[in-house]
Amino acid sequence: MIRTRVTALVAVATAAVLALGACGTTENTSSAAPSSSAAGGPVTVTDSRGKAVSLKAPATKVVGLEWGEVEMLVGLGVMPVGVADPKGYATWVSAAKLDPTVKDVGTRAEPSVDSIVALQPDLVVMEDDRGGALVSQLEKYVPVLVTKGSDASDNLGRMRSDLKMIATAVGRTAEGDQLLADFDAALADGRKKVADAGAAGKEFAIADGWKEGSTISVRMFGQGALVSQIGIQLGLKNAWTGKTDEVWGLGQTDVEGLTALKGKDLHFFYNASDGTDVFADGLAGNAIWKSLPFVQQGNLHRMPDGIWTFGGPLSGKQYIDELVKVYTV
């Protein structure tokens, strides 16, 4: 089943045995290597592998293999020539829309090397969880920039670092700085609104879920998940303290596990952009679900479709808007 990052991360979420990642901050802890010359000339960027990726000029024909990086590219003003599963992207990501001309290069889990190479890109951008075999295949034909993609110890800092790295590679550092400045302004404004509404310190939980047969699994976004760190920076408190993985900040539970969310003012947020709403539909008759305080109090919020939980600053701003809206009414 392909929804959010279920395909790539379900094994990680199922294990959920690693220690909880520390809460991130909005400070950038690392940055891409600067361009080796003026815009338009040769450029060198050091990616998440510590590898120097050298280009004769800033890349203009780029293929993106993960949606967070694709969103960043479009936000920077660089429309990719190819994207892994653009139809899925259109379902889950609304912050940065793709042109109809963008070519499909396969699935996110198994992109087609042949389809990518056929587009003759200047650069392929991908995350480091895709494995070295794919990188090695692609690097026979085209430079590959590998982003970190996620880091539960500081996902906001990681997002900044990934964006700056991509912006340098495509010659759009000014645009990257503006994206981050706009994000910071939205975060500061949202934090003030939450505080002014007397909502600072109030609890939230964020999840998604899926159904296999009669079993409903719930994936929780812990302290280190990107969208969780956004909520924390707004002055809110993530109520989920269960075990999560150290990369994505995700953990797994079931309906019984949700009984740990006891806060009387807690708001529960979830995504169901593909139309499969296991919370409203699959759990509608479940006695435990109906007994949960946030369900009884009507503090259950399906996020608007197309807000990507693993995105860049544009999706992040969408999350800020939705969280602030709930806590300042």
Protein backbone atom coordinates (compact mmCIF):
# COMPACT_ATOMS: atom_id res chain seq x y z
CA MET A 1 0.00 0.00 0.00
CA ILE A 2 1.53 3.32 -1.02
CA ARG A 3 0.45 6.25 1.14
CA THR A 4 2.56 8.91 2.84
CA ARG A 5 5.81 7.01 3.47
CA VAL A 6 4.20 3.67 4.31
CA THR A 7 5.93 1.80 1.50
CA ALA A 8 9.41 3.02 2.34
CA LEU A 9 9.08 3.11 6.11
CA VAL A 10 6.55 0.53 7.25
CA ALA A 11 9.33 -1.80 8.36
CA VAL A 12 10.89 1.00 10.39
CA ALA A 13 7.59 2.01 11.90
CA THR A 14 6.71 -1.57 12.71
CA ALA A 15 9.98 -2.11 14.53
CA ALA A 16 9.76 1.20 16.39
CA VAL A 17 12.37 0.17 18.87
CA LEU A 18 14.92 2.90 18.72
CA ALA A 19 15.26 5.67 21.23
CA LEU A 20 13.23 8.83 20.87
CA GLY A 21 14.94 11.55 18.83
CA ALA A 22 15.57 14.83 20.56
CA CYS A 23 13.38 17.81 19.81
CA GLY A 24 14.69 19.92 16.94
CA THR A 25 15.13 23.63 16.72
CA THR A 26 14.71 26.16 13.98
CA GLU A 27 18.44 26.84 13.88
CA ASN A 28 20.40 25.57 10.89
CA THR A 29 23.14 23.29 12.21
CA SER A 30 24.80 22.55 8.87
CA SER A 31 24.86 23.95 5.38
CA ALA A 32 25.73 22.94 1.87
CA ALA A 33 29.17 23.67 0.52
CA PRO A 34 29.11 27.01 -1.28
CA SER A 35 29.18 27.30 -5.03
CA SER A 36 32.74 27.05 -6.33
CA SER A 37 32.20 30.01 -8.64
CA ALA A 38 29.68 32.67 -9.62
CA ALA A 39 26.16 31.74 -10.73
CA GLY A 40 26.24 30.19 -14.20
CA GLY A 41 29.73 28.77 -13.84
CA PRO A 42 30.89 25.49 -12.34
CA VAL A 43 29.33 24.56 -9.02
CA THR A 44 30.33 22.03 -6.38
CA VAL A 45 28.10 20.83 -3.56
CA THR A 46 28.95 18.37 -0.81
CA ASP A 47 25.96 16.10 -0.26
CA SER A 48 24.80 14.04 2.73
CA ARG A 49 27.30 11.30 1.90
CA GLY A 50 30.13 13.76 2.28
CA LYS A 51 30.71 13.46 -1.46
CA ALA A 52 31.56 16.49 -3.58
CA VAL A 53 29.14 16.66 -6.51
CA SER A 54 30.61 18.85 -9.25
CA LEU A 55 28.58 20.33 -12.11
CA LYS A 56 29.78 22.36 -15.10
CA ALA A 57 26.96 24.80 -14.40
CA PRO A 58 23.96 25.00 -12.05
CA ALA A 59 21.57 22.18 -12.94
CA THR A 60 18.46 23.09 -14.93
CA LYS A 61 17.26 19.63 -16.03
CA VAL A 62 16.67 17.83 -12.76
CA VAL A 63 14.98 14.54 -11.85
CA GLY A 64 13.54 14.22 -8.33
CA LEU A 65 13.02 10.79 -6.78
CA GLU A 66 11.40 11.81 -3.50
CA TRP A 67 8.52 14.21 -3.05
CA GLY A 68 10.03 16.42 -0.33
CA GLU A 69 12.95 17.24 -2.60
CA VAL A 70 10.61 17.69 -5.58
CA GLU A 71 8.61 20.22 -3.57
CA MET A 72 11.83 22.06 -2.76
CA LEU A 73 12.87 22.14 -6.42
CA VAL A 74 9.52 23.56 -7.55
CA GLY A 75 9.58 26.07 -4.69
CA LEU A 76 13.02 27.20 -5.87
CA GLY A 77 11.64 27.79 -9.36
CA VAL A 78 13.09 24.66 -10.98
CA MET A 79 10.43 22.43 -12.53
CA PRO A 80 11.81 18.88 -12.64
CA VAL A 81 11.90 17.11 -15.99
CA GLY A 82 11.11 13.82 -14.26
CA VAL A 83 9.58 12.75 -10.95
CA ALA A 84 8.98 9.41 -9.29
CA ASP A 85 5.20 8.83 -9.21
CA PRO A 86 3.96 12.31 -10.17
CA LYS A 87 0.34 11.11 -9.83
CA GLY A 88 0.96 10.25 -6.20
CA TYR A 89 2.72 13.57 -5.74
CA ALA A 90 -0.37 15.38 -7.02
CA THR A 91 -2.46 13.51 -4.45
CA TRP A 92 -0.27 14.14 -1.42
CA VAL A 93 1.51 17.44 -2.19
CA SER A 94 -0.40 20.63 -2.96
CA ALA A 95 2.14 23.25 -1.88
CA ALA A 96 4.15 23.12 -5.12
CA LYS A 97 2.31 21.78 -8.15
CA LEU A 98 3.94 20.02 -11.07
CA ASP A 99 3.58 20.98 -14.72
CA PRO A 100 1.80 18.43 -16.96
CA THR A 101 5.05 18.09 -18.91
CA VAL A 102 6.87 16.38 -16.01
CA LYS A 103 7.68 12.78 -16.93
CA ASP A 104 6.97 9.76 -14.76
CA VAL A 105 10.20 7.86 -13.99
CA GLY A 106 8.66 5.02 -12.02
CA THR A 107 7.72 4.52 -8.40
CA ARG A 108 9.44 6.05 -5.42
CA ALA A 109 10.39 2.60 -4.20
CA GLU A 110 11.67 1.42 -7.60
CA PRO A 111 12.43 4.28 -10.00
CA SER A 112 13.42 3.32 -13.54
CA VAL A 113 17.06 4.04 -14.31
CA ASP A 114 16.32 3.76 -18.03
CA SER A 115 13.51 6.34 -17.81
CA ILE A 116 15.72 8.71 -15.84
CA VAL A 117 18.69 8.44 -18.18
CA ALA A 118 16.46 8.89 -21.24
CA LEU A 119 15.60 12.40 -20.03
CA GLN A 120 19.30 13.36 -20.12
CA PRO A 121 19.14 15.30 -16.85
CA ASP A 122 21.92 17.47 -15.47
CA LEU A 123 21.28 16.12 -11.98
CA VAL A 124 19.27 13.54 -10.04
CA VAL A 125 18.18 14.43 -6.52
CA MET A 126 17.32 11.58 -4.17
CA GLU A 127 17.31 10.67 -0.48
CA ASP A 128 19.90 8.52 1.21
CA ASP A 129 17.40 5.83 2.24
CA ARG A 130 17.15 4.60 -1.35
CA GLY A 131 20.35 2.56 -1.11
CA GLY A 132 23.78 2.61 -2.66
CA ALA A 133 22.92 0.27 -5.53
CA LEU A 134 20.59 2.80 -7.14
CA VAL A 135 23.09 5.62 -6.65
CA SER A 136 25.84 3.56 -8.27
CA GLN A 137 23.67 2.74 -11.26
CA LEU A 138 22.66 6.35 -11.80
CA GLU A 139 26.13 7.80 -11.33
CA LYS A 140 27.32 5.89 -14.39
CA TYR A 141 25.25 8.34 -16.43
CA VAL A 142 24.43 11.48 -14.42
CA PRO A 143 25.56 13.35 -11.27
CA VAL A 144 23.51 12.39 -8.20
CA LEU A 145 22.86 14.64 -5.21
CA VAL A 146 21.87 12.66 -2.12
CA THR A 147 19.96 14.51 0.60
CA LYS A 148 19.58 13.33 4.16
CA GLY A 149 15.77 13.36 3.87
CA SER A 150 15.09 13.12 7.59
CA ASP A 151 16.83 13.27 10.96
CA ALA A 152 14.74 12.94 14.09
CA SER A 153 17.44 14.64 16.17
CA ASP A 154 16.82 17.93 14.32
CA ASN A 155 14.45 17.66 11.40
CA LEU A 156 13.97 21.39 10.97
CA GLY A 157 17.71 21.91 10.79
CA ARG A 158 17.94 18.99 8.38
CA MET A 159 15.22 20.48 6.18
CA ARG A 160 17.18 23.73 6.00
CA SER A 161 20.40 21.94 5.17
CA ASP A 162 18.79 19.85 2.41
CA LEU A 163 17.13 22.91 0.89
CA LYS A 164 20.33 24.96 0.90
CA MET A 165 22.22 22.07 -0.70
CA ILE A 166 19.66 21.73 -3.49
CA ALA A 167 19.46 25.50 -3.96
CA THR A 168 23.23 25.68 -4.42
CA ALA A 169 23.20 22.85 -6.98
CA VAL A 170 20.54 24.57 -9.10
CA GLY A 171 21.89 28.10 -8.70
CA ARG A 172 18.93 29.35 -6.67
CA THR A 173 20.48 30.27 -3.33
CA ALA A 174 18.60 33.59 -3.10
CA GLU A 175 15.31 31.78 -3.71
CA GLY A 176 16.24 29.23 -1.06
CA ASP A 177 17.00 31.95 1.47
CA GLN A 178 13.61 33.53 0.73
CA LEU A 179 11.76 30.24 1.20
CA LEU A 180 13.36 29.82 4.61
CA ALA A 181 12.76 33.46 5.57
CA ASP A 182 9.06 33.10 4.71
CA PHE A 183 8.88 29.87 6.70
CA ASP A 184 10.53 31.49 9.72
CA ALA A 185 8.17 34.46 9.52
CA ALA A 186 5.14 32.15 9.42
CA LEU A 187 6.51 30.18 12.37
CA ALA A 188 7.14 33.32 14.43
CA ASP A 189 3.71 34.73 13.59
CA GLY A 190 2.05 31.42 14.42
CA ARG A 191 3.90 31.12 17.72
CA LYS A 192 2.72 34.60 18.72
CA LYS A 193 -0.88 33.82 17.79
CA VAL A 194 -0.80 30.59 19.80
CA ALA A 195 0.63 32.43 22.81
CA ASP A 196 -1.85 35.30 22.49
CA ALA A 197 -4.70 32.78 22.43
CA GLY A 198 -3.46 31.24 25.68
CA ALA A 199 -2.78 27.95 23.90
CA ALA A 200 0.96 27.66 24.54
CA GLY A 201 1.74 24.28 26.07
CA LYS A 202 -1.47 22.64 24.89
CA GLU A 203 -1.13 19.10 23.61
CA PHE A 204 -1.36 17.63 20.14
CA ALA A 205 -0.86 14.27 18.47
CA ILE A 206 -0.32 13.58 14.77
CA ALA A 207 -0.85 10.24 13.07
CA ASP A 208 -1.84 8.38 9.96
CA GLY A 209 -3.13 4.87 9.63
CA TRP A 210 -3.95 2.01 7.32
CA LYS A 211 -6.06 -1.11 7.33
CA GLU A 212 -4.94 -4.61 6.38
CA GLY A 213 -7.81 -7.07 6.55
CA SER A 214 -9.53 -6.34 9.84
CA THR A 215 -6.40 -4.90 11.46
CA ILE A 216 -5.93 -1.14 11.73
CA SER A 217 -2.41 0.11 12.33
CA VAL A 218 -1.69 3.62 13.55
CA ARG A 219 1.58 5.38 12.82
CA MET A 220 2.41 8.10 15.32
CA PHE A 221 4.58 11.13 14.64
CA GLY A 222 6.88 11.43 17.64
CA GLN A 223 8.90 14.33 19.00
CA GLY A 224 11.47 14.19 16.21
CA ALA A 225 9.13 13.99 13.21
CA LEU A 226 9.24 17.06 10.99
CA VAL A 227 5.60 18.09 11.46
CA SER A 228 5.85 17.42 15.18
CA GLN A 229 8.82 19.75 15.44
CA ILE A 230 6.79 22.42 13.70
CA GLY A 231 4.07 22.06 16.33
CA ILE A 232 6.63 22.20 19.14
CA GLN A 233 8.17 25.36 17.70
CA LEU A 234 4.70 26.91 17.70
CA GLY A 235 4.70 26.46 21.49
CA LEU A 236 2.57 23.30 21.56
CA LYS A 237 3.39 19.96 23.19
CA ASN A 238 3.47 16.60 21.45
CA ALA A 239 1.61 14.19 23.74
CA TRP A 240 2.95 11.03 22.09
CA THR A 241 5.90 9.70 24.09
CA GLY A 242 6.04 6.17 22.68
CA LYS A 243 9.12 4.73 21.02
CA THR A 244 10.02 6.01 17.58
CA ASP A 245 12.82 5.49 15.08
CA GLU A 246 15.82 7.79 15.06
CA VAL A 247 15.55 8.86 11.41
CA TRP A 248 11.91 9.74 10.82
CA GLY A 249 10.64 10.05 14.39
CA LEU A 250 7.83 7.60 13.66
CA GLY A 251 6.35 4.90 15.85
CA GLN A 252 3.53 2.41 15.55
CA THR A 253 0.64 1.56 17.80
CA ASP A 254 -2.95 0.33 17.67
CA VAL A 255 -6.25 1.63 18.96
CA GLU A 256 -5.51 0.39 22.46
CA GLY A 257 -2.23 2.28 22.41
CA LEU A 258 -4.05 5.53 21.78
CA THR A 259 -5.51 5.34 25.29
CA ALA A 260 -2.19 6.86 26.42
CA LEU A 261 -3.45 10.15 24.92
CA LYS A 262 -5.45 11.28 27.94
CA GLY A 263 -5.16 15.06 27.82
CA LYS A 264 -8.56 16.70 28.09
CA ASP A 265 -7.65 19.49 25.64
CA LEU A 266 -5.56 17.34 23.30
CA HIS A 267 -6.17 17.71 19.55
CA PHE A 268 -5.52 14.75 17.24
CA PHE A 269 -4.50 15.46 13.63
CA TYR A 270 -4.27 13.00 10.77
CA ASN A 271 -3.92 12.81 7.00
CA ALA A 272 -6.00 10.82 4.53
CA SER A 273 -5.28 12.47 1.19
CA ASP A 274 -5.80 9.24 -0.74
CA GLY A 275 -9.38 9.00 0.53
CA THR A 276 -8.73 6.04 2.83
CA ASP A 277 -9.87 7.42 6.19
CA VAL A 278 -9.35 4.64 8.72
CA PHE A 279 -10.11 6.95 11.64
CA ALA A 280 -13.51 8.18 10.47
CA ASP A 281 -14.54 4.96 8.74
CA GLY A 282 -12.55 1.98 9.97
CA LEU A 283 -12.84 2.90 13.65
CA ALA A 284 -16.33 4.38 13.63
CA GLY A 285 -17.80 1.45 15.58
CA ASN A 286 -14.81 0.70 17.78
CA ALA A 287 -15.69 1.09 21.47
CA ILE A 288 -12.14 1.98 22.55
CA TRP A 289 -11.85 4.62 19.83
CA LYS A 290 -15.18 6.16 20.79
CA SER A 291 -14.07 6.35 24.45
CA LEU A 292 -10.96 8.42 23.72
CA PRO A 293 -11.21 11.97 25.13
CA PHE A 294 -10.23 13.72 21.88
CA VAL A 295 -12.89 11.75 20.00
CA GLN A 296 -15.61 12.45 22.56
CA GLN A 297 -14.75 16.16 22.63
CA GLY A 298 -14.67 16.53 18.86
CA ASN A 299 -10.95 17.35 18.85
CA LEU A 300 -10.29 15.10 15.86
CA HIS A 301 -8.98 16.88 12.77
CA ARG A 302 -8.50 15.45 9.31
CA MET A 303 -5.95 17.71 7.66
CA PRO A 304 -6.88 19.17 4.27
CA ASP A 305 -5.86 16.84 1.46
CA GLY A 306 -2.46 17.43 -0.06
CA ILE A 307 -0.43 18.65 2.91
CA TRP A 308 2.75 16.58 2.76
CA THR A 309 4.06 15.54 6.16
CA PHE A 310 7.61 14.97 4.87
CA GLY A 311 7.97 18.10 2.78
CA GLY A 312 9.90 21.35 2.70
CA PRO A 313 9.14 24.88 3.90
CA LEU A 314 6.07 25.28 1.67
CA SER A 315 4.33 22.22 3.11
CA GLY A 316 5.60 23.29 6.50
CA LYS A 317 3.79 26.60 6.18
CA GLN A 318 0.58 24.72 5.37
CA TYR A 319 0.99 22.74 8.59
CA ILE A 320 1.61 25.94 10.53
CA ASP A 321 -1.61 27.45 9.17
CA GLU A 322 -3.71 24.41 10.10
CA LEU A 323 -2.29 24.02 13.61
CA VAL A 324 -2.64 27.73 14.37
CA LYS A 325 -6.22 27.72 13.08
CA VAL A 326 -7.21 24.97 15.52
CA TYR A 327 -5.56 26.43 18.61
CA THR A 328 -6.62 30.04 18.14
CA VAL A 329 -10.34 29.70 17.53
